[in-house]
Amino acid sequence: LKAVNSGEVPAGISYHYYWYKDRASGGTGSGNAELHFFGHA
């Protein structure tokens, strides 16, 4: 998450809650990042 947010790498495989926890605590580590939910099974 830190690497994606800083632009070190464009994306990363993760679980949803790391981003949500950071946003809930102020978003300092996720302000430049969003989540892509693949869906479609």
All heavy atoms as atom14 arrays in JSON, in Angstrom:
{
  "sequence": "LKAVNSGEVPAGISYHYYWYKDRASGGTGSGNAELHFFGHA",
  "atom14_mask": [
    [1, 1, 1, 1, 1, 1, 1, 1, 0, 0, 0, 0, 0, 0],
    [1, 1, 1, 1, 1, 1, 1, 1, 1, 0, 0, 0, 0, 0],
    [1, 1, 1, 1, 1, 0, 0, 0, 0, 0, 0, 0, 0, 0],
    [1, 1, 1, 1, 1, 1, 1, 0, 0, 0, 0, 0, 0, 0],
    [1, 1, 1, 1, 1, 1, 1, 1, 0, 0, 0, 0, 0, 0],
    [1, 1, 1, 1, 1, 1, 0, 0, 0, 0, 0, 0, 0, 0],
    [1, 1, 1, 1, 0, 0, 0, 0, 0, 0, 0, 0, 0, 0],
    [1, 1, 1, 1, 1, 1, 1, 1, 1, 0, 0, 0, 0, 0],
    [1, 1, 1, 1, 1, 1, 1, 0, 0, 0, 0, 0, 0, 0],
    [1, 1, 1, 1, 1, 1, 1, 0, 0, 0, 0, 0, 0, 0],
    [1, 1, 1, 1, 1, 0, 0, 0, 0, 0, 0, 0, 0, 0],
    [1, 1, 1, 1, 0, 0, 0, 0, 0, 0, 0, 0, 0, 0],
    [1, 1, 1, 1, 1, 1, 1, 1, 0, 0, 0, 0, 0, 0],
    [1, 1, 1, 1, 1, 1, 0, 0, 0, 0, 0, 0, 0, 0],
    [1, 1, 1, 1, 1, 1, 1, 1, 1, 1, 1, 1, 0, 0],
    [1, 1, 1, 1, 1, 1, 1, 1, 1, 1, 0, 0, 0, 0],
    [1, 1, 1, 1, 1, 1, 1, 1, 1, 1, 1, 1, 0, 0],
    [1, 1, 1, 1, 1, 1, 1, 1, 1, 1, 1, 1, 0, 0],
    [1, 1, 1, 1, 1, 1, 1, 1, 1, 1, 1, 1, 1, 1],
    [1, 1, 1, 1, 1, 1, 1, 1, 1, 1, 1, 1, 0, 0],
    [1, 1, 1, 1, 1, 1, 1, 1, 1, 0, 0, 0, 0, 0],
    [1, 1, 1, 1, 1, 1, 1, 1, 0, 0, 0, 0, 0, 0],
    [1, 1, 1, 1, 1, 1, 1, 1, 1, 1, 1, 0, 0, 0],
    [1, 1, 1, 1, 1, 0, 0, 0, 0, 0, 0, 0, 0, 0],
    [1, 1, 1, 1, 1, 1, 0, 0, 0, 0, 0, 0, 0, 0],
    [1, 1, 1, 1, 0, 0, 0, 0, 0, 0, 0, 0, 0, 0],
    [1, 1, 1, 1, 0, 0, 0, 0, 0, 0, 0, 0, 0, 0],
    [1, 1, 1, 1, 1, 1, 1, 0, 0, 0, 0, 0, 0, 0],
    [1, 1, 1, 1, 0, 0, 0, 0, 0, 0, 0, 0, 0, 0],
    [1, 1, 1, 1, 1, 1, 0, 0, 0, 0, 0, 0, 0, 0],
    [1, 1, 1, 1, 0, 0, 0, 0, 0, 0, 0, 0, 0, 0],
    [1, 1, 1, 1, 1, 1, 1, 1, 0, 0, 0, 0, 0, 0],
    [1, 1, 1, 1, 1, 0, 0, 0, 0, 0, 0, 0, 0, 0],
    [1, 1, 1, 1, 1, 1, 1, 1, 1, 0, 0, 0, 0, 0],
    [1, 1, 1, 1, 1, 1, 1, 1, 0, 0, 0, 0, 0, 0],
    [1, 1, 1, 1, 1, 1, 1, 1, 1, 1, 0, 0, 0, 0],
    [1, 1, 1, 1, 1, 1, 1, 1, 1, 1, 1, 0, 0, 0],
    [1, 1, 1, 1, 1, 1, 1, 1, 1, 1, 1, 0, 0, 0],
    [1, 1, 1, 1, 0, 0, 0, 0, 0, 0, 0, 0, 0, 0],
    [1, 1, 1, 1, 1, 1, 1, 1, 1, 1, 0, 0, 0, 0],
    [1, 1, 1, 1, 1, 0, 0, 0, 0, 0, 0, 0, 0, 0]
  ],
  "atom14_positions": [
    [[0.83, -1.21, 0.0], [0.0, 0.0, 0.0], [0.87, 1.26, 0.0], [0.61, 2.21, -0.75], [-0.94, 0.0, 1.21], [-1.85, 1.23, 1.35], [-2.74, 1.4, 0.13], [-2.7, 1.12, 2.63], [0.0, 0.0, 0.0], [0.0, 0.0, 0.0], [0.0, 0.0, 0.0], [0.0, 0.0, 0.0], [0.0, 0.0, 0.0], [0.0, 0.0, 0.0]],
    [[1.89, 1.26, 0.81], [2.8, 2.4, 0.89], [3.49, 2.64, -0.45], [3.61, 3.78, -0.91], [3.84, 2.17, 1.99], [4.81, 3.31, 2.18], [5.79, 3.01, 3.32], [6.79, 4.17, 3.49], [7.75, 3.87, 4.6], [0.0, 0.0, 0.0], [0.0, 0.0, 0.0], [0.0, 0.0, 0.0], [0.0, 0.0, 0.0], [0.0, 0.0, 0.0]],
    [[3.94, 1.56, -1.09], [4.64, 1.68, -2.37], [3.7, 2.18, -3.47], [4.09, 2.99, -4.31], [5.24, 0.33, -2.75], [0.0, 0.0, 0.0], [0.0, 0.0, 0.0], [0.0, 0.0, 0.0], [0.0, 0.0, 0.0], [0.0, 0.0, 0.0], [0.0, 0.0, 0.0], [0.0, 0.0, 0.0], [0.0, 0.0, 0.0], [0.0, 0.0, 0.0]],
    [[2.47, 1.69, -3.47], [1.49, 2.13, -4.46], [1.14, 3.6, -4.24], [1.09, 4.4, -5.18], [0.23, 1.25, -4.42], [-0.88, 1.86, -5.28], [0.54, -0.17, -4.87], [0.0, 0.0, 0.0], [0.0, 0.0, 0.0], [0.0, 0.0, 0.0], [0.0, 0.0, 0.0], [0.0, 0.0, 0.0], [0.0, 0.0, 0.0], [0.0, 0.0, 0.0]],
    [[0.92, 3.98, -3.01], [0.54, 5.35, -2.7], [1.63, 6.36, -3.08], [1.35, 7.46, -3.55], [0.21, 5.48, -1.21], [-0.43, 6.8, -0.87], [-1.52, 7.11, -1.34], [0.23, 7.61, -0.06], [0.0, 0.0, 0.0], [0.0, 0.0, 0.0], [0.0, 0.0, 0.0], [0.0, 0.0, 0.0], [0.0, 0.0, 0.0], [0.0, 0.0, 0.0]],
    [[2.89, 5.96, -2.9], [4.01, 6.85, -3.21], [4.35, 6.88, -4.7], [5.13, 7.72, -5.15], [5.25, 6.42, -2.43], [5.76, 5.18, -2.9], [0.0, 0.0, 0.0], [0.0, 0.0, 0.0], [0.0, 0.0, 0.0], [0.0, 0.0, 0.0], [0.0, 0.0, 0.0], [0.0, 0.0, 0.0], [0.0, 0.0, 0.0], [0.0, 0.0, 0.0]],
    [[3.79, 5.95, -5.48], [4.11, 5.87, -6.9], [5.3, 4.99, -7.21], [5.73, 4.91, -8.36], [0.0, 0.0, 0.0], [0.0, 0.0, 0.0], [0.0, 0.0, 0.0], [0.0, 0.0, 0.0], [0.0, 0.0, 0.0], [0.0, 0.0, 0.0], [0.0, 0.0, 0.0], [0.0, 0.0, 0.0], [0.0, 0.0, 0.0], [0.0, 0.0, 0.0]],
    [[5.82, 4.31, -6.2], [6.96, 3.41, -6.42], [6.59, 2.28, -7.37], [7.4, 1.81, -8.16], [7.42, 2.86, -5.07], [8.58, 1.88, -5.14], [8.94, 1.34, -3.76], [9.03, 2.13, -2.8], [9.13, 0.12, -3.65], [0.0, 0.0, 0.0], [0.0, 0.0, 0.0], [0.0, 0.0, 0.0], [0.0, 0.0, 0.0], [0.0, 0.0, 0.0]],
    [[5.34, 1.85, -7.28], [4.81, 0.8, -8.16], [3.35, 1.16, -8.44], [2.67, 1.7, -7.56], [4.95, -0.59, -7.48], [4.1, -0.69, -6.23], [4.61, -1.72, -8.43], [0.0, 0.0, 0.0], [0.0, 0.0, 0.0], [0.0, 0.0, 0.0], [0.0, 0.0, 0.0], [0.0, 0.0, 0.0], [0.0, 0.0, 0.0], [0.0, 0.0, 0.0]],
    [[2.87, 0.95, -9.66], [1.5, 1.37, -9.99], [0.39, 0.64, -9.25], [-0.68, 1.21, -9.03], [1.41, 1.12, -11.51], [2.82, 1.17, -11.98], [3.62, 0.55, -10.87], [0.0, 0.0, 0.0], [0.0, 0.0, 0.0], [0.0, 0.0, 0.0], [0.0, 0.0, 0.0], [0.0, 0.0, 0.0], [0.0, 0.0, 0.0], [0.0, 0.0, 0.0]],
    [[0.62, -0.63, -8.89], [-0.47, -1.43, -8.31], [0.08, -2.55, -7.45], [1.28, -2.83, -7.46], [-1.35, -2.01, -9.42], [0.0, 0.0, 0.0], [0.0, 0.0, 0.0], [0.0, 0.0, 0.0], [0.0, 0.0, 0.0], [0.0, 0.0, 0.0], [0.0, 0.0, 0.0], [0.0, 0.0, 0.0], [0.0, 0.0, 0.0], [0.0, 0.0, 0.0]],
    [[-0.81, -3.21, -6.71], [-0.41, -4.34, -5.9], [-1.6, -5.2, -5.53], [-2.72, -4.7, -5.37], [0.0, 0.0, 0.0], [0.0, 0.0, 0.0], [0.0, 0.0, 0.0], [0.0, 0.0, 0.0], [0.0, 0.0, 0.0], [0.0, 0.0, 0.0], [0.0, 0.0, 0.0], [0.0, 0.0, 0.0], [0.0, 0.0, 0.0], [0.0, 0.0, 0.0]],
    [[-1.36, -6.5, -5.4], [-2.39, -7.43, -4.94], [-2.45, -7.36, -3.42], [-1.42, -7.44, -2.74], [-2.08, -8.86, -5.39], [-2.07, -8.96, -6.93], [-3.1, -9.84, -4.82], [-1.63, -10.32, -7.46], [0.0, 0.0, 0.0], [0.0, 0.0, 0.0], [0.0, 0.0, 0.0], [0.0, 0.0, 0.0], [0.0, 0.0, 0.0], [0.0, 0.0, 0.0]],
    [[-3.65, -7.24, -2.89], [-3.8, -7.07, -1.45], [-5.18, -7.55, -1.03], [-5.94, -8.13, -1.82], [-3.61, -5.57, -1.1], [-3.68, -5.35, 0.29], [0.0, 0.0, 0.0], [0.0, 0.0, 0.0], [0.0, 0.0, 0.0], [0.0, 0.0, 0.0], [0.0, 0.0, 0.0], [0.0, 0.0, 0.0], [0.0, 0.0, 0.0], [0.0, 0.0, 0.0]],
    [[-5.5, -7.32, 0.24], [-6.86, -7.46, 0.74], [-7.43, -6.06, 0.98], [-6.68, -5.1, 1.22], [-6.9, -8.24, 2.05], [-6.8, -9.75, 1.91], [-6.32, -10.52, 2.96], [-7.2, -10.4, 0.76], [-6.23, -11.9, 2.86], [-7.12, -11.78, 0.65], [-6.64, -12.52, 1.7], [-6.56, -13.88, 1.59], [0.0, 0.0, 0.0], [0.0, 0.0, 0.0]],
    [[-8.74, -5.96, 0.95], [-9.4, -4.66, 0.99], [-9.12, -3.86, 2.24], [-9.05, -2.64, 2.21], [-10.92, -4.87, 0.86], [-11.55, -5.37, 2.13], [-11.54, -6.7, 2.5], [-12.18, -4.71, 3.15], [-12.15, -6.84, 3.66], [-12.55, -5.66, 4.09], [0.0, 0.0, 0.0], [0.0, 0.0, 0.0], [0.0, 0.0, 0.0], [0.0, 0.0, 0.0]],
    [[-8.99, -4.53, 3.39], [-9.07, -3.82, 4.66], [-7.85, -2.96, 4.98], [-7.95, -2.03, 5.78], [-9.37, -4.79, 5.81], [-8.27, -5.76, 6.14], [-7.32, -5.48, 7.11], [-8.2, -6.99, 5.49], [-6.33, -6.39, 7.42], [-7.21, -7.9, 5.79], [-6.28, -7.6, 6.76], [-5.29, -8.49, 7.05], [0.0, 0.0, 0.0], [0.0, 0.0, 0.0]],
    [[-6.72, -3.22, 4.34], [-5.55, -2.38, 4.58], [-5.82, -0.94, 4.13], [-5.48, 0.02, 4.83], [-4.32, -2.95, 3.86], [-3.86, -4.26, 4.42], [-4.29, -5.47, 3.88], [-3.01, -4.3, 5.52], [-3.88, -6.68, 4.41], [-2.59, -5.51, 6.06], [-3.03, -6.69, 5.5], [-2.62, -7.88, 6.04], [0.0, 0.0, 0.0], [0.0, 0.0, 0.0]],
    [[-6.42, -0.81, 2.96], [-6.77, 0.52, 2.43], [-7.85, 1.17, 3.29], [-7.75, 2.34, 3.64], [-7.24, 0.36, 0.99], [-7.58, 1.64, 0.28], [-6.73, 2.42, -0.45], [-8.87, 2.25, 0.18], [-7.41, 3.49, -0.99], [-8.73, 3.41, -0.62], [-10.13, 1.94, 0.7], [-9.8, 4.25, -0.92], [-11.19, 2.78, 0.41], [-11.03, 3.92, -0.38]],
    [[-8.87, 0.42, 3.64], [-9.97, 0.98, 4.44], [-9.48, 1.42, 5.82], [-9.92, 2.46, 6.34], [-11.09, -0.05, 4.58], [-12.03, -0.09, 3.4], [-11.96, -1.14, 2.48], [-12.98, 0.89, 3.2], [-12.82, -1.19, 1.39], [-13.85, 0.84, 2.12], [-13.76, -0.19, 1.22], [-14.62, -0.23, 0.14], [0.0, 0.0, 0.0], [0.0, 0.0, 0.0]],
    [[-8.61, 0.65, 6.43], [-8.09, 1.02, 7.75], [-7.28, 2.31, 7.66], [-7.38, 3.18, 8.53], [-7.24, -0.11, 8.32], [-8.04, -1.31, 8.79], [-7.16, -2.48, 9.17], [-6.38, -2.24, 10.43], [-5.67, -3.47, 10.88], [0.0, 0.0, 0.0], [0.0, 0.0, 0.0], [0.0, 0.0, 0.0], [0.0, 0.0, 0.0], [0.0, 0.0, 0.0]],
    [[-6.49, 2.45, 6.61], [-5.71, 3.67, 6.46], [-6.63, 4.87, 6.22], [-6.43, 5.95, 6.81], [-4.72, 3.54, 5.31], [-3.76, 4.72, 5.24], [-2.77, 4.72, 5.99], [-4.03, 5.66, 4.46], [0.0, 0.0, 0.0], [0.0, 0.0, 0.0], [0.0, 0.0, 0.0], [0.0, 0.0, 0.0], [0.0, 0.0, 0.0], [0.0, 0.0, 0.0]],
    [[-7.63, 4.72, 5.38], [-8.57, 5.82, 5.13], [-9.31, 6.22, 6.41], [-9.55, 7.4, 6.66], [-9.57, 5.41, 4.04], [-8.99, 5.46, 2.62], [-8.64, 6.88, 2.22], [-8.01, 6.95, 0.91], [-8.66, 7.19, -0.23], [-9.99, 7.33, -0.23], [-8.0, 7.26, -1.36], [0.0, 0.0, 0.0], [0.0, 0.0, 0.0], [0.0, 0.0, 0.0]],
    [[-9.67, 5.22, 7.21], [-10.39, 5.51, 8.45], [-9.53, 6.26, 9.46], [-10.06, 6.96, 10.33], [-10.9, 4.21, 9.07], [0.0, 0.0, 0.0], [0.0, 0.0, 0.0], [0.0, 0.0, 0.0], [0.0, 0.0, 0.0], [0.0, 0.0, 0.0], [0.0, 0.0, 0.0], [0.0, 0.0, 0.0], [0.0, 0.0, 0.0], [0.0, 0.0, 0.0]],
    [[-8.21, 6.12, 9.34], [-7.31, 6.79, 10.28], [-6.69, 8.06, 9.7], [-5.72, 8.58, 10.24], [-6.2, 5.84, 10.71], [-5.41, 5.45, 9.6], [0.0, 0.0, 0.0], [0.0, 0.0, 0.0], [0.0, 0.0, 0.0], [0.0, 0.0, 0.0], [0.0, 0.0, 0.0], [0.0, 0.0, 0.0], [0.0, 0.0, 0.0], [0.0, 0.0, 0.0]],
    [[-7.25, 8.57, 8.61], [-6.77, 9.84, 8.05], [-6.31, 9.77, 6.62], [-6.19, 10.8, 5.95], [0.0, 0.0, 0.0], [0.0, 0.0, 0.0], [0.0, 0.0, 0.0], [0.0, 0.0, 0.0], [0.0, 0.0, 0.0], [0.0, 0.0, 0.0], [0.0, 0.0, 0.0], [0.0, 0.0, 0.0], [0.0, 0.0, 0.0], [0.0, 0.0, 0.0]],
    [[-6.0, 8.58, 6.12], [-5.65, 8.41, 4.71], [-4.27, 8.87, 4.31], [-4.0, 9.05, 3.11], [0.0, 0.0, 0.0], [0.0, 0.0, 0.0], [0.0, 0.0, 0.0], [0.0, 0.0, 0.0], [0.0, 0.0, 0.0], [0.0, 0.0, 0.0], [0.0, 0.0, 0.0], [0.0, 0.0, 0.0], [0.0, 0.0, 0.0], [0.0, 0.0, 0.0]],
    [[-3.36, 9.01, 5.27], [-2.01, 9.48, 4.93], [-1.24, 8.51, 4.05], [-0.35, 8.91, 3.3], [-1.19, 9.76, 6.2], [-1.14, 8.57, 7.0], [-1.82, 10.88, 7.02], [0.0, 0.0, 0.0], [0.0, 0.0, 0.0], [0.0, 0.0, 0.0], [0.0, 0.0, 0.0], [0.0, 0.0, 0.0], [0.0, 0.0, 0.0], [0.0, 0.0, 0.0]],
    [[-1.58, 7.23, 4.14], [-0.87, 6.23, 3.35], [-1.65, 5.71, 2.17], [-1.21, 4.77, 1.5], [0.0, 0.0, 0.0], [0.0, 0.0, 0.0], [0.0, 0.0, 0.0], [0.0, 0.0, 0.0], [0.0, 0.0, 0.0], [0.0, 0.0, 0.0], [0.0, 0.0, 0.0], [0.0, 0.0, 0.0], [0.0, 0.0, 0.0], [0.0, 0.0, 0.0]],
    [[-2.81, 6.33, 1.88], [-3.66, 5.82, 0.8], [-4.32, 6.91, -0.03], [-5.16, 6.62, -0.87], [-4.76, 4.91, 1.39], [-5.58, 5.66, 2.29], [0.0, 0.0, 0.0], [0.0, 0.0, 0.0], [0.0, 0.0, 0.0], [0.0, 0.0, 0.0], [0.0, 0.0, 0.0], [0.0, 0.0, 0.0], [0.0, 0.0, 0.0], [0.0, 0.0, 0.0]],
    [[-3.93, 8.15, 0.19], [-4.6, 9.27, -0.49], [-4.49, 9.24, -1.99], [-5.36, 9.77, -2.7], [0.0, 0.0, 0.0], [0.0, 0.0, 0.0], [0.0, 0.0, 0.0], [0.0, 0.0, 0.0], [0.0, 0.0, 0.0], [0.0, 0.0, 0.0], [0.0, 0.0, 0.0], [0.0, 0.0, 0.0], [0.0, 0.0, 0.0], [0.0, 0.0, 0.0]],
    [[-3.42, 8.61, -2.52], [-3.23, 8.53, -3.96], [-3.63, 7.17, -4.53], [-3.36, 6.89, -5.7], [-1.76, 8.79, -4.31], [-1.28, 10.15, -3.85], [-1.99, 11.13, -3.96], [-0.06, 10.21, -3.31], [0.0, 0.0, 0.0], [0.0, 0.0, 0.0], [0.0, 0.0, 0.0], [0.0, 0.0, 0.0], [0.0, 0.0, 0.0], [0.0, 0.0, 0.0]],
    [[-4.25, 6.36, -3.72], [-4.57, 4.98, -4.12], [-6.07, 4.71, -4.02], [-6.77, 5.28, -3.18], [-3.82, 3.99, -3.25], [0.0, 0.0, 0.0], [0.0, 0.0, 0.0], [0.0, 0.0, 0.0], [0.0, 0.0, 0.0], [0.0, 0.0, 0.0], [0.0, 0.0, 0.0], [0.0, 0.0, 0.0], [0.0, 0.0, 0.0], [0.0, 0.0, 0.0]],
    [[-6.55, 3.85, -4.88], [-7.93, 3.38, -4.85], [-7.93, 1.86, -4.99], [-6.91, 1.25, -5.35], [-8.75, 4.01, -5.98], [-8.95, 5.51, -5.86], [-9.87, 5.92, -4.72], [-10.63, 5.04, -4.22], [-9.82, 7.09, -4.32], [0.0, 0.0, 0.0], [0.0, 0.0, 0.0], [0.0, 0.0, 0.0], [0.0, 0.0, 0.0], [0.0, 0.0, 0.0]],
    [[-9.08, 1.27, -4.72], [-9.22, -0.18, -4.81], [-9.97, -0.57, -6.08], [-10.98, 0.04, -6.42], [-9.96, -0.74, -3.6], [-9.31, -0.53, -2.24], [-10.12, -1.25, -1.17], [-7.86, -1.0, -2.23], [0.0, 0.0, 0.0], [0.0, 0.0, 0.0], [0.0, 0.0, 0.0], [0.0, 0.0, 0.0], [0.0, 0.0, 0.0], [0.0, 0.0, 0.0]],
    [[-9.47, -1.61, -6.73], [-10.15, -2.22, -7.87], [-10.65, -3.59, -7.44], [-9.87, -4.47, -7.1], [-9.2, -2.35, -9.05], [-9.77, -3.11, -10.22], [-11.01, -2.84, -10.75], [-9.24, -4.13, -10.97], [-11.24, -3.65, -11.77], [-10.18, -4.46, -11.91], [0.0, 0.0, 0.0], [0.0, 0.0, 0.0], [0.0, 0.0, 0.0], [0.0, 0.0, 0.0]],
    [[-11.98, -3.75, -7.39], [-12.61, -5.03, -7.08], [-12.89, -5.74, -8.41], [-13.65, -5.23, -9.24], [-13.91, -4.82, -6.31], [-13.73, -4.29, -4.92], [-13.56, -2.92, -4.69], [-13.72, -5.14, -3.82], [-13.4, -2.43, -3.41], [-13.56, -4.65, -2.53], [-13.4, -3.3, -2.33], [0.0, 0.0, 0.0], [0.0, 0.0, 0.0], [0.0, 0.0, 0.0]],
    [[-12.29, -6.9, -8.62], [-12.41, -7.58, -9.9], [-13.84, -8.03, -10.2], [-14.3, -7.93, -11.34], [-11.46, -8.78, -9.95], [-10.01, -8.4, -10.1], [-9.18, -8.36, -8.99], [-9.48, -8.1, -11.34], [-7.83, -8.02, -9.13], [-8.15, -7.76, -11.49], [-7.31, -7.71, -10.38], [0.0, 0.0, 0.0], [0.0, 0.0, 0.0], [0.0, 0.0, 0.0]],
    [[-14.54, -8.56, -9.2], [-15.9, -9.02, -9.42], [-15.99, -10.11, -10.47], [-15.02, -10.79, -10.8], [0.0, 0.0, 0.0], [0.0, 0.0, 0.0], [0.0, 0.0, 0.0], [0.0, 0.0, 0.0], [0.0, 0.0, 0.0], [0.0, 0.0, 0.0], [0.0, 0.0, 0.0], [0.0, 0.0, 0.0], [0.0, 0.0, 0.0], [0.0, 0.0, 0.0]],
    [[-17.19, -10.32, -11.03], [-17.44, -11.25, -12.14], [-16.94, -12.66, -11.85], [-16.52, -13.39, -12.77], [-16.8, -10.72, -13.42], [-17.21, -9.33, -13.78], [-18.5, -9.01, -14.19], [-16.52, -8.15, -13.73], [-18.58, -7.72, -14.41], [-17.4, -7.16, -14.14], [0.0, 0.0, 0.0], [0.0, 0.0, 0.0], [0.0, 0.0, 0.0], [0.0, 0.0, 0.0]],
    [[-16.95, -13.05, -10.58], [-16.52, -14.39, -10.15], [-15.08, -14.69, -10.56], [-14.69, -15.86, -10.69], [-17.47, -15.46, -10.69], [0.0, 0.0, 0.0], [0.0, 0.0, 0.0], [0.0, 0.0, 0.0], [0.0, 0.0, 0.0], [0.0, 0.0, 0.0], [0.0, 0.0, 0.0], [0.0, 0.0, 0.0], [0.0, 0.0, 0.0], [0.0, 0.0, 0.0]]
  ]
}
